[in-house]
Amino acid sequence: DVSSEAGIEIRTPDLKVPMAKSLGVAPYDVDGDGLVDLAVANDTVPN
């Protein structure tokens, strides 16, 4: 589990609690640099 060190755990800036409410994920190399990026659909919080 490398979630924290990889920058995947997004927390609220004030309470520092988990922010995600994620229901969908779509991998894609969006910027063409050879590395796969991840788009995440969230429910009632920003994607």
ModelCIF file with pLDDT and N, C-alpha, C, O atoms, coordinates in Angstrom:
data_MODEL
#
_entry.id   MODEL 
#
_entity.id                         1 
_entity.type                       polymer 
_entity.pdbx_number_of_molecules   1 
#
_entity_poly.entity_id                      1 
_entity_poly.type                           'polypeptide(L)' 
_entity_poly.nstd_linkage                   no 
_entity_poly.nstd_monomer                   no 
_entity_poly.pdbx_seq_one_letter_code       DVSSEAGIEIRTPDLKVPMAKSLGVAPYDVDGDGLVDLAVANDTVPN 
_entity_poly.pdbx_seq_one_letter_code_can   DVSSEAGIEIRTPDLKVPMAKSLGVAPYDVDGDGLVDLAVANDTVPN 
_entity_poly.pdbx_strand_id                 A 
#
loop_
_entity_poly_seq.entity_id 
_entity_poly_seq.num 
_entity_poly_seq.mon_id 
_entity_poly_seq.hetero 
1 1  ASP n 
1 2  VAL n 
1 3  SER n 
1 4  SER n 
1 5  GLU n 
1 6  ALA n 
1 7  GLY n 
1 8  ILE n 
1 9  GLU n 
1 10 ILE n 
1 11 ARG n 
1 12 THR n 
1 13 PRO n 
1 14 ASP n 
1 15 LEU n 
1 16 LYS n 
1 17 VAL n 
1 18 PRO n 
1 19 MET n 
1 20 ALA n 
1 21 LYS n 
1 22 SER n 
1 23 LEU n 
1 24 GLY n 
1 25 VAL n 
1 26 ALA n 
1 27 PRO n 
1 28 TYR n 
1 29 ASP n 
1 30 VAL n 
1 31 ASP n 
1 32 GLY n 
1 33 ASP n 
1 34 GLY n 
1 35 LEU n 
1 36 VAL n 
1 37 ASP n 
1 38 LEU n 
1 39 ALA n 
1 40 VAL n 
1 41 ALA n 
1 42 ASN n 
1 43 ASP n 
1 44 THR n 
1 45 VAL n 
1 46 PRO n 
1 47 ASN n 
#
_struct_asym.id          A 
_struct_asym.entity_id   1 
#
loop_
_ma_qa_metric.id 
_ma_qa_metric.mode 
_ma_qa_metric.name 
_ma_qa_metric.software_group_id 
_ma_qa_metric.type 
1 global pLDDT . pLDDT 
2 local  pLDDT . pLDDT 
#
_ma_qa_metric_global.metric_id      1 
_ma_qa_metric_global.metric_value   95.96 
_ma_qa_metric_global.model_id       1 
_ma_qa_metric_global.ordinal_id     1 
#
loop_
_ma_qa_metric_local.label_asym_id 
_ma_qa_metric_local.label_comp_id 
_ma_qa_metric_local.label_seq_id 
_ma_qa_metric_local.metric_id 
_ma_qa_metric_local.metric_value 
_ma_qa_metric_local.model_id 
_ma_qa_metric_local.ordinal_id 
A ASP 1  2 98.00 1 1  
A VAL 2  2 98.00 1 2  
A SER 3  2 98.00 1 3  
A SER 4  2 96.00 1 4  
A GLU 5  2 97.00 1 5  
A ALA 6  2 98.00 1 6  
A GLY 7  2 97.00 1 7  
A ILE 8  2 97.00 1 8  
A GLU 9  2 96.00 1 9  
A ILE 10 2 96.00 1 10 
A ARG 11 2 94.00 1 11 
A THR 12 2 90.00 1 12 
A PRO 13 2 86.00 1 13 
A ASP 14 2 85.00 1 14 
A LEU 15 2 82.00 1 15 
A LYS 16 2 90.00 1 16 
A VAL 17 2 93.00 1 17 
A PRO 18 2 95.00 1 18 
A MET 19 2 96.00 1 19 
A ALA 20 2 97.00 1 20 
A LYS 21 2 98.00 1 21 
A SER 22 2 98.00 1 22 
A LEU 23 2 98.00 1 23 
A GLY 24 2 98.00 1 24 
A VAL 25 2 98.00 1 25 
A ALA 26 2 98.00 1 26 
A PRO 27 2 98.00 1 27 
A TYR 28 2 98.00 1 28 
A ASP 29 2 97.00 1 29 
A VAL 30 2 97.00 1 30 
A ASP 31 2 95.00 1 31 
A GLY 32 2 94.00 1 32 
A ASP 33 2 96.00 1 33 
A GLY 34 2 97.00 1 34 
A LEU 35 2 98.00 1 35 
A VAL 36 2 98.00 1 36 
A ASP 37 2 98.00 1 37 
A LEU 38 2 98.00 1 38 
A ALA 39 2 98.00 1 39 
A VAL 40 2 98.00 1 40 
A ALA 41 2 98.00 1 41 
A ASN 42 2 98.00 1 42 
A ASP 43 2 98.00 1 43 
A THR 44 2 97.00 1 44 
A VAL 45 2 97.00 1 45 
A PRO 46 2 97.00 1 46 
A ASN 47 2 98.00 1 47 
#
loop_
_atom_site.group_PDB 
_atom_site.id 
_atom_site.type_symbol 
_atom_site.label_atom_id 
_atom_site.label_alt_id 
_atom_site.label_comp_id 
_atom_site.label_asym_id 
_atom_site.label_entity_id 
_atom_site.label_seq_id 
_atom_site.pdbx_PDB_ins_code 
_atom_site.Cartn_x 
_atom_site.Cartn_y 
_atom_site.Cartn_z 
_atom_site.occupancy 
_atom_site.B_iso_or_equiv 
_atom_site.pdbx_formal_charge 
_atom_site.auth_seq_id 
_atom_site.auth_comp_id 
_atom_site.auth_asym_id 
_atom_site.auth_atom_id 
_atom_site.pdbx_PDB_model_num 
ATOM 1   N N  . ASP A 1 1  ? 0.852   -1.186 0.000   1.00 98.00 ? 1  ASP A N  1 
ATOM 2   C CA . ASP A 1 1  ? 0.000   0.000  0.000   1.00 98.00 ? 1  ASP A CA 1 
ATOM 3   C C  . ASP A 1 1  ? 0.891   1.241  0.000   1.00 98.00 ? 1  ASP A C  1 
ATOM 4   O O  . ASP A 1 1  ? 1.536   1.554  1.000   1.00 98.00 ? 1  ASP A O  1 
ATOM 5   N N  . VAL A 1 2  ? 0.918   1.943  -1.137  1.00 98.00 ? 2  VAL A N  1 
ATOM 6   C CA . VAL A 1 2  ? 1.762   3.136  -1.271  1.00 98.00 ? 2  VAL A CA 1 
ATOM 7   C C  . VAL A 1 2  ? 0.902   4.388  -1.428  1.00 98.00 ? 2  VAL A C  1 
ATOM 8   O O  . VAL A 1 2  ? 1.370   5.402  -1.946  1.00 98.00 ? 2  VAL A O  1 
ATOM 9   N N  . SER A 1 3  ? -0.341  4.321  -0.988  1.00 98.00 ? 3  SER A N  1 
ATOM 10  C CA . SER A 1 3  ? -1.300  5.408  -1.204  1.00 98.00 ? 3  SER A CA 1 
ATOM 11  C C  . SER A 1 3  ? -0.796  6.743  -0.680  1.00 98.00 ? 3  SER A C  1 
ATOM 12  O O  . SER A 1 3  ? -0.859  7.756  -1.377  1.00 98.00 ? 3  SER A O  1 
ATOM 13  N N  . SER A 1 4  ? -0.300  6.740  0.545   1.00 96.00 ? 4  SER A N  1 
ATOM 14  C CA . SER A 1 4  ? 0.128   7.988  1.164   1.00 96.00 ? 4  SER A CA 1 
ATOM 15  C C  . SER A 1 4  ? 1.352   8.565  0.484   1.00 96.00 ? 4  SER A C  1 
ATOM 16  O O  . SER A 1 4  ? 1.352   9.735  0.100   1.00 96.00 ? 4  SER A O  1 
ATOM 17  N N  . GLU A 1 5  ? 2.396   7.765  0.329   1.00 97.00 ? 5  GLU A N  1 
ATOM 18  C CA . GLU A 1 5  ? 3.638   8.273  -0.262  1.00 97.00 ? 5  GLU A CA 1 
ATOM 19  C C  . GLU A 1 5  ? 3.472   8.632  -1.722  1.00 97.00 ? 5  GLU A C  1 
ATOM 20  O O  . GLU A 1 5  ? 4.219   9.460  -2.245  1.00 97.00 ? 5  GLU A O  1 
ATOM 21  N N  . ALA A 1 6  ? 2.490   8.015  -2.399  1.00 98.00 ? 6  ALA A N  1 
ATOM 22  C CA . ALA A 1 6  ? 2.274   8.299  -3.820  1.00 98.00 ? 6  ALA A CA 1 
ATOM 23  C C  . ALA A 1 6  ? 1.413   9.534  -4.055  1.00 98.00 ? 6  ALA A C  1 
ATOM 24  O O  . ALA A 1 6  ? 1.292   9.983  -5.194  1.00 98.00 ? 6  ALA A O  1 
ATOM 25  N N  . GLY A 1 7  ? 0.809   10.097 -3.005  1.00 97.00 ? 7  GLY A N  1 
ATOM 26  C CA . GLY A 1 7  ? -0.032  11.273 -3.152  1.00 97.00 ? 7  GLY A CA 1 
ATOM 27  C C  . GLY A 1 7  ? -1.466  10.981 -3.509  1.00 97.00 ? 7  GLY A C  1 
ATOM 28  O O  . GLY A 1 7  ? -2.173  11.850 -4.020  1.00 97.00 ? 7  GLY A O  1 
ATOM 29  N N  . ILE A 1 8  ? -1.904  9.763  -3.244  1.00 97.00 ? 8  ILE A N  1 
ATOM 30  C CA . ILE A 1 8  ? -3.269  9.354  -3.589  1.00 97.00 ? 8  ILE A CA 1 
ATOM 31  C C  . ILE A 1 8  ? -4.265  9.689  -2.488  1.00 97.00 ? 8  ILE A C  1 
ATOM 32  O O  . ILE A 1 8  ? -5.446  9.888  -2.773  1.00 97.00 ? 8  ILE A O  1 
ATOM 33  N N  . GLU A 1 9  ? -3.825  9.754  -1.256  1.00 96.00 ? 9  GLU A N  1 
ATOM 34  C CA . GLU A 1 9  ? -4.731  10.033 -0.134  1.00 96.00 ? 9  GLU A CA 1 
ATOM 35  C C  . GLU A 1 9  ? -4.983  11.534 -0.046  1.00 96.00 ? 9  GLU A C  1 
ATOM 36  O O  . GLU A 1 9  ? -4.149  12.283 0.462   1.00 96.00 ? 9  GLU A O  1 
ATOM 37  N N  . ILE A 1 10 ? -6.122  11.960 -0.538  1.00 96.00 ? 10 ILE A N  1 
ATOM 38  C CA . ILE A 1 10 ? -6.497  13.368 -0.492  1.00 96.00 ? 10 ILE A CA 1 
ATOM 39  C C  . ILE A 1 10 ? -7.331  13.619 0.756   1.00 96.00 ? 10 ILE A C  1 
ATOM 40  O O  . ILE A 1 10 ? -8.328  12.943 1.011   1.00 96.00 ? 10 ILE A O  1 
ATOM 41  N N  . ARG A 1 11 ? -6.889  14.618 1.529   1.00 94.00 ? 11 ARG A N  1 
ATOM 42  C CA . ARG A 1 11 ? -7.567  14.924 2.789   1.00 94.00 ? 11 ARG A CA 1 
ATOM 43  C C  . ARG A 1 11 ? -8.074  16.363 2.795   1.00 94.00 ? 11 ARG A C  1 
ATOM 44  O O  . ARG A 1 11 ? -7.564  17.216 2.069   1.00 94.00 ? 11 ARG A O  1 
ATOM 45  N N  . THR A 1 12 ? -9.084  16.621 3.625   1.00 90.00 ? 12 THR A N  1 
ATOM 46  C CA . THR A 1 12 ? -9.619  17.971 3.742   1.00 90.00 ? 12 THR A CA 1 
ATOM 47  C C  . THR A 1 12 ? -8.568  18.855 4.409   1.00 90.00 ? 12 THR A C  1 
ATOM 48  O O  . THR A 1 12 ? -7.861  18.408 5.313   1.00 90.00 ? 12 THR A O  1 
ATOM 49  N N  . PRO A 1 13 ? -8.465  20.109 3.965   1.00 86.00 ? 13 PRO A N  1 
ATOM 50  C CA . PRO A 1 13 ? -7.404  20.966 4.487   1.00 86.00 ? 13 PRO A CA 1 
ATOM 51  C C  . PRO A 1 13 ? -7.568  21.374 5.939   1.00 86.00 ? 13 PRO A C  1 
ATOM 52  O O  . PRO A 1 13 ? -6.586  21.721 6.596   1.00 86.00 ? 13 PRO A O  1 
ATOM 53  N N  . ASP A 1 14 ? -8.801  21.337 6.456   1.00 85.00 ? 14 ASP A N  1 
ATOM 54  C CA . ASP A 1 14 ? -8.988  21.796 7.838   1.00 85.00 ? 14 ASP A CA 1 
ATOM 55  C C  . ASP A 1 14 ? -8.930  20.639 8.836   1.00 85.00 ? 14 ASP A C  1 
ATOM 56  O O  . ASP A 1 14 ? -8.125  20.659 9.768   1.00 85.00 ? 14 ASP A O  1 
ATOM 57  N N  . LEU A 1 15 ? -9.784  19.634 8.641   1.00 82.00 ? 15 LEU A N  1 
ATOM 58  C CA . LEU A 1 15 ? -9.833  18.528 9.595   1.00 82.00 ? 15 LEU A CA 1 
ATOM 59  C C  . LEU A 1 15 ? -8.837  17.418 9.263   1.00 82.00 ? 15 LEU A C  1 
ATOM 60  O O  . LEU A 1 15 ? -8.601  16.526 10.077  1.00 82.00 ? 15 LEU A O  1 
ATOM 61  N N  . LYS A 1 16 ? -8.257  17.479 8.069   1.00 90.00 ? 16 LYS A N  1 
ATOM 62  C CA . LYS A 1 16 ? -7.284  16.469 7.647   1.00 90.00 ? 16 LYS A CA 1 
ATOM 63  C C  . LYS A 1 16 ? -7.877  15.060 7.655   1.00 90.00 ? 16 LYS A C  1 
ATOM 64  O O  . LYS A 1 16 ? -7.204  14.094 8.014   1.00 90.00 ? 16 LYS A O  1 
ATOM 65  N N  . VAL A 1 17 ? -9.143  14.958 7.254   1.00 93.00 ? 17 VAL A N  1 
ATOM 66  C CA . VAL A 1 17 ? -9.792  13.650 7.162   1.00 93.00 ? 17 VAL A CA 1 
ATOM 67  C C  . VAL A 1 17 ? -9.927  13.286 5.689   1.00 93.00 ? 17 VAL A C  1 
ATOM 68  O O  . VAL A 1 17 ? -9.885  14.173 4.836   1.00 93.00 ? 17 VAL A O  1 
ATOM 69  N N  . PRO A 1 18 ? -10.087 12.003 5.367   1.00 95.00 ? 18 PRO A N  1 
ATOM 70  C CA . PRO A 1 18 ? -10.206 11.604 3.958   1.00 95.00 ? 18 PRO A CA 1 
ATOM 71  C C  . PRO A 1 18 ? -11.335 12.341 3.244   1.00 95.00 ? 18 PRO A C  1 
ATOM 72  O O  . PRO A 1 18 ? -12.423 12.521 3.790   1.00 95.00 ? 18 PRO A O  1 
ATOM 73  N N  . MET A 1 19 ? -11.056 12.758 2.023   1.00 96.00 ? 19 MET A N  1 
ATOM 74  C CA . MET A 1 19 ? -11.999 13.579 1.270   1.00 96.00 ? 19 MET A CA 1 
ATOM 75  C C  . MET A 1 19 ? -12.751 12.800 0.197   1.00 96.00 ? 19 MET A C  1 
ATOM 76  O O  . MET A 1 19 ? -13.873 13.165 -0.155  1.00 96.00 ? 19 MET A O  1 
ATOM 77  N N  . ALA A 1 20 ? -12.154 11.735 -0.327  1.00 97.00 ? 20 ALA A N  1 
ATOM 78  C CA . ALA A 1 20 ? -12.720 11.043 -1.479  1.00 97.00 ? 20 ALA A CA 1 
ATOM 79  C C  . ALA A 1 20 ? -14.077 10.414 -1.172  1.00 97.00 ? 20 ALA A C  1 
ATOM 80  O O  . ALA A 1 20 ? -14.320 9.929  -0.067  1.00 97.00 ? 20 ALA A O  1 
ATOM 81  N N  . LYS A 1 21 ? -14.940 10.434 -2.158  1.00 98.00 ? 21 LYS A N  1 
ATOM 82  C CA . LYS A 1 21 ? -16.185 9.672  -2.154  1.00 98.00 ? 21 LYS A CA 1 
ATOM 83  C C  . LYS A 1 21 ? -16.309 9.102  -3.564  1.00 98.00 ? 21 LYS A C  1 
ATOM 84  O O  . LYS A 1 21 ? -17.164 9.507  -4.352  1.00 98.00 ? 21 LYS A O  1 
ATOM 85  N N  . SER A 1 22 ? -15.430 8.153  -3.851  1.00 98.00 ? 22 SER A N  1 
ATOM 86  C CA . SER A 1 22 ? -15.142 7.751  -5.221  1.00 98.00 ? 22 SER A CA 1 
ATOM 87  C C  . SER A 1 22 ? -15.971 6.560  -5.662  1.00 98.00 ? 22 SER A C  1 
ATOM 88  O O  . SER A 1 22 ? -16.127 5.584  -4.929  1.00 98.00 ? 22 SER A O  1 
ATOM 89  N N  . LEU A 1 23 ? -16.503 6.659  -6.881  1.00 98.00 ? 23 LEU A N  1 
ATOM 90  C CA . LEU A 1 23 ? -17.326 5.584  -7.452  1.00 98.00 ? 23 LEU A CA 1 
ATOM 91  C C  . LEU A 1 23 ? -16.794 5.068  -8.779  1.00 98.00 ? 23 LEU A C  1 
ATOM 92  O O  . LEU A 1 23 ? -17.137 3.955  -9.177  1.00 98.00 ? 23 LEU A O  1 
ATOM 93  N N  . GLY A 1 24 ? -15.971 5.836  -9.474  1.00 98.00 ? 24 GLY A N  1 
ATOM 94  C CA . GLY A 1 24 ? -15.466 5.394  -10.767 1.00 98.00 ? 24 GLY A CA 1 
ATOM 95  C C  . GLY A 1 24 ? -14.037 5.832  -10.986 1.00 98.00 ? 24 GLY A C  1 
ATOM 96  O O  . GLY A 1 24 ? -13.633 6.898  -10.522 1.00 98.00 ? 24 GLY A O  1 
ATOM 97  N N  . VAL A 1 25 ? -13.266 5.015  -11.691 1.00 98.00 ? 25 VAL A N  1 
ATOM 98  C CA . VAL A 1 25 ? -11.887 5.359  -12.024 1.00 98.00 ? 25 VAL A CA 1 
ATOM 99  C C  . VAL A 1 25 ? -11.612 4.995  -13.477 1.00 98.00 ? 25 VAL A C  1 
ATOM 100 O O  . VAL A 1 25 ? -12.066 3.960  -13.963 1.00 98.00 ? 25 VAL A O  1 
ATOM 101 N N  . ALA A 1 26 ? -10.865 5.853  -14.168 1.00 98.00 ? 26 ALA A N  1 
ATOM 102 C CA . ALA A 1 26 ? -10.499 5.616  -15.562 1.00 98.00 ? 26 ALA A CA 1 
ATOM 103 C C  . ALA A 1 26 ? -9.031  5.962  -15.756 1.00 98.00 ? 26 ALA A C  1 
ATOM 104 O O  . ALA A 1 26 ? -8.674  7.139  -15.704 1.00 98.00 ? 26 ALA A O  1 
ATOM 105 N N  . PRO A 1 27 ? -8.165  4.974  -15.978 1.00 98.00 ? 27 PRO A N  1 
ATOM 106 C CA . PRO A 1 27 ? -6.747  5.254  -16.248 1.00 98.00 ? 27 PRO A CA 1 
ATOM 107 C C  . PRO A 1 27 ? -6.533  5.711  -17.681 1.00 98.00 ? 27 PRO A C  1 
ATOM 108 O O  . PRO A 1 27 ? -7.249  5.277  -18.584 1.00 98.00 ? 27 PRO A O  1 
ATOM 109 N N  . TYR A 1 28 ? -5.556  6.581  -17.898 1.00 98.00 ? 28 TYR A N  1 
ATOM 110 C CA . TYR A 1 28 ? -5.221  7.055  -19.241 1.00 98.00 ? 28 TYR A CA 1 
ATOM 111 C C  . TYR A 1 28 ? -3.957  7.892  -19.151 1.00 98.00 ? 28 TYR A C  1 
ATOM 112 O O  . TYR A 1 28 ? -3.774  8.635  -18.187 1.00 98.00 ? 28 TYR A O  1 
ATOM 113 N N  . ASP A 1 29 ? -3.080  7.780  -20.146 1.00 97.00 ? 29 ASP A N  1 
ATOM 114 C CA . ASP A 1 29 ? -1.912  8.662  -20.233 1.00 97.00 ? 29 ASP A CA 1 
ATOM 115 C C  . ASP A 1 29 ? -2.366  9.947  -20.909 1.00 97.00 ? 29 ASP A C  1 
ATOM 116 O O  . ASP A 1 29 ? -2.294  10.079 -22.131 1.00 97.00 ? 29 ASP A O  1 
ATOM 117 N N  . VAL A 1 30 ? -2.834  10.891 -20.100 1.00 97.00 ? 30 VAL A N  1 
ATOM 118 C CA . VAL A 1 30 ? -3.504  12.070 -20.626 1.00 97.00 ? 30 VAL A CA 1 
ATOM 119 C C  . VAL A 1 30 ? -2.540  12.992 -21.373 1.00 97.00 ? 30 VAL A C  1 
ATOM 120 O O  . VAL A 1 30 ? -2.881  13.513 -22.435 1.00 97.00 ? 30 VAL A O  1 
ATOM 121 N N  . ASP A 1 31 ? -1.362  13.192 -20.837 1.00 95.00 ? 31 ASP A N  1 
ATOM 122 C CA . ASP A 1 31 ? -0.438  14.160 -21.423 1.00 95.00 ? 31 ASP A CA 1 
ATOM 123 C C  . ASP A 1 31 ? 0.623   13.524 -22.313 1.00 95.00 ? 31 ASP A C  1 
ATOM 124 O O  . ASP A 1 31 ? 1.543   14.210 -22.759 1.00 95.00 ? 31 ASP A O  1 
ATOM 125 N N  . GLY A 1 32 ? 0.508   12.218 -22.581 1.00 94.00 ? 32 GLY A N  1 
ATOM 126 C CA . GLY A 1 32 ? 1.387   11.574 -23.534 1.00 94.00 ? 32 GLY A CA 1 
ATOM 127 C C  . GLY A 1 32 ? 2.837   11.464 -23.115 1.00 94.00 ? 32 GLY A C  1 
ATOM 128 O O  . GLY A 1 32 ? 3.725   11.399 -23.966 1.00 94.00 ? 32 GLY A O  1 
ATOM 129 N N  . ASP A 1 33 ? 3.095   11.443 -21.804 1.00 96.00 ? 33 ASP A N  1 
ATOM 130 C CA . ASP A 1 33 ? 4.471   11.353 -21.338 1.00 96.00 ? 33 ASP A CA 1 
ATOM 131 C C  . ASP A 1 33 ? 4.914   9.922  -21.056 1.00 96.00 ? 33 ASP A C  1 
ATOM 132 O O  . ASP A 1 33 ? 6.009   9.693  -20.543 1.00 96.00 ? 33 ASP A O  1 
ATOM 133 N N  . GLY A 1 34 ? 4.052   8.955  -21.396 1.00 97.00 ? 34 GLY A N  1 
ATOM 134 C CA . GLY A 1 34 ? 4.393   7.559  -21.175 1.00 97.00 ? 34 GLY A CA 1 
ATOM 135 C C  . GLY A 1 34 ? 4.040   7.035  -19.813 1.00 97.00 ? 34 GLY A C  1 
ATOM 136 O O  . GLY A 1 34 ? 4.318   5.874  -19.511 1.00 97.00 ? 34 GLY A O  1 
ATOM 137 N N  . LEU A 1 35 ? 3.432   7.858  -18.972 1.00 98.00 ? 35 LEU A N  1 
ATOM 138 C CA . LEU A 1 35 ? 3.041   7.459  -17.626 1.00 98.00 ? 35 LEU A CA 1 
ATOM 139 C C  . LEU A 1 35 ? 1.525   7.551  -17.492 1.00 98.00 ? 35 LEU A C  1 
ATOM 140 O O  . LEU A 1 35 ? 0.925   8.538  -17.918 1.00 98.00 ? 35 LEU A O  1 
ATOM 141 N N  . VAL A 1 36 ? 0.906   6.539  -16.909 1.00 98.00 ? 36 VAL A N  1 
ATOM 142 C CA . VAL A 1 36 ? -0.552  6.473  -16.827 1.00 98.00 ? 36 VAL A CA 1 
ATOM 143 C C  . VAL A 1 36 ? -1.068  7.364  -15.704 1.00 98.00 ? 36 VAL A C  1 
ATOM 144 O O  . VAL A 1 36 ? -0.622  7.272  -14.560 1.00 98.00 ? 36 VAL A O  1 
ATOM 145 N N  . ASP A 1 37 ? -2.016  8.226  -16.057 1.00 98.00 ? 37 ASP A N  1 
ATOM 146 C CA . ASP A 1 37 ? -2.703  9.081  -15.096 1.00 98.00 ? 37 ASP A CA 1 
ATOM 147 C C  . ASP A 1 37 ? -4.044  8.449  -14.740 1.00 98.00 ? 37 ASP A C  1 
ATOM 148 O O  . ASP A 1 37 ? -4.458  7.472  -15.366 1.00 98.00 ? 37 ASP A O  1 
ATOM 149 N N  . LEU A 1 38 ? -4.727  9.006  -13.733 1.00 98.00 ? 38 LEU A N  1 
ATOM 150 C CA . LEU A 1 38 ? -5.972  8.416  -13.250 1.00 98.00 ? 38 LEU A CA 1 
ATOM 151 C C  . LEU A 1 38 ? -7.023  9.498  -13.038 1.00 98.00 ? 38 LEU A C  1 
ATOM 152 O O  . LEU A 1 38 ? -6.791  10.451 -12.294 1.00 98.00 ? 38 LEU A O  1 
ATOM 153 N N  . ALA A 1 39 ? -8.179  9.357  -13.687 1.00 98.00 ? 39 ALA A N  1 
ATOM 154 C CA . ALA A 1 39 ? -9.319  10.226 -13.414 1.00 98.00 ? 39 ALA A CA 1 
ATOM 155 C C  . ALA A 1 39 ? -10.278 9.480  -12.502 1.00 98.00 ? 39 ALA A C  1 
ATOM 156 O O  . ALA A 1 39 ? -10.553 8.298  -12.712 1.00 98.00 ? 39 ALA A O  1 
ATOM 157 N N  . VAL A 1 40 ? -10.784 10.169 -11.494 1.00 98.00 ? 40 VAL A N  1 
ATOM 158 C CA . VAL A 1 40 ? -11.653 9.546  -10.485 1.00 98.00 ? 40 VAL A CA 1 
ATOM 159 C C  . VAL A 1 40 ? -12.937 10.351 -10.361 1.00 98.00 ? 40 VAL A C  1 
ATOM 160 O O  . VAL A 1 40 ? -12.901 11.558 -10.123 1.00 98.00 ? 40 VAL A O  1 
ATOM 161 N N  . ALA A 1 41 ? -14.078 9.674  -10.523 1.00 98.00 ? 41 ALA A N  1 
ATOM 162 C CA . ALA A 1 41 ? -15.385 10.308 -10.370 1.00 98.00 ? 41 ALA A CA 1 
ATOM 163 C C  . ALA A 1 41 ? -15.812 10.225 -8.911  1.00 98.00 ? 41 ALA A C  1 
ATOM 164 O O  . ALA A 1 41 ? -15.899 9.136  -8.343  1.00 98.00 ? 41 ALA A O  1 
ATOM 165 N N  . ASN A 1 42 ? -16.075 11.375 -8.312  1.00 98.00 ? 42 ASN A N  1 
ATOM 166 C CA . ASN A 1 42 ? -16.487 11.455 -6.920  1.00 98.00 ? 42 ASN A CA 1 
ATOM 167 C C  . ASN A 1 42 ? -17.951 11.849 -6.788  1.00 98.00 ? 42 ASN A C  1 
ATOM 168 O O  . ASN A 1 42 ? -18.509 12.528 -7.649  1.00 98.00 ? 42 ASN A O  1 
ATOM 169 N N  . ASP A 1 43 ? -18.549 11.414 -5.710  1.00 98.00 ? 43 ASP A N  1 
ATOM 170 C CA . ASP A 1 43 ? -19.968 11.655 -5.441  1.00 98.00 ? 43 ASP A CA 1 
ATOM 171 C C  . ASP A 1 43 ? -20.104 12.773 -4.420  1.00 98.00 ? 43 ASP A C  1 
ATOM 172 O O  . ASP A 1 43 ? -19.848 12.565 -3.234  1.00 98.00 ? 43 ASP A O  1 
ATOM 173 N N  . THR A 1 44 ? -20.505 13.957 -4.869  1.00 97.00 ? 44 THR A N  1 
ATOM 174 C CA . THR A 1 44 ? -20.764 15.157 -4.066  1.00 97.00 ? 44 THR A CA 1 
ATOM 175 C C  . THR A 1 44 ? -19.504 15.854 -3.583  1.00 97.00 ? 44 THR A C  1 
ATOM 176 O O  . THR A 1 44 ? -19.604 16.822 -2.828  1.00 97.00 ? 44 THR A O  1 
ATOM 177 N N  . VAL A 1 45 ? -18.341 15.410 -3.979  1.00 97.00 ? 45 VAL A N  1 
ATOM 178 C CA . VAL A 1 45 ? -17.104 16.163 -3.762  1.00 97.00 ? 45 VAL A CA 1 
ATOM 179 C C  . VAL A 1 45 ? -16.384 16.248 -5.109  1.00 97.00 ? 45 VAL A C  1 
ATOM 180 O O  . VAL A 1 45 ? -16.696 15.476 -6.016  1.00 97.00 ? 45 VAL A O  1 
ATOM 181 N N  . PRO A 1 46 ? -15.424 17.172 -5.260  1.00 97.00 ? 46 PRO A N  1 
ATOM 182 C CA . PRO A 1 46 ? -14.779 17.363 -6.559  1.00 97.00 ? 46 PRO A CA 1 
ATOM 183 C C  . PRO A 1 46 ? -14.109 16.096 -7.092  1.00 97.00 ? 46 PRO A C  1 
ATOM 184 O O  . PRO A 1 46 ? -13.531 15.313 -6.338  1.00 97.00 ? 46 PRO A O  1 
ATOM 185 N N  . ASN A 1 47 ? -14.203 15.918 -8.403  1.00 98.00 ? 47 ASN A N  1 
ATOM 186 C CA . ASN A 1 47 ? -13.509 14.809 -9.053  1.00 98.00 ? 47 ASN A CA 1 
ATOM 187 C C  . ASN A 1 47 ? -11.999 15.007 -8.967  1.00 98.00 ? 47 ASN A C  1 
ATOM 188 O O  . ASN A 1 47 ? -11.238 14.174 -9.460  1.00 98.00 ? 47 ASN A O  1 
#
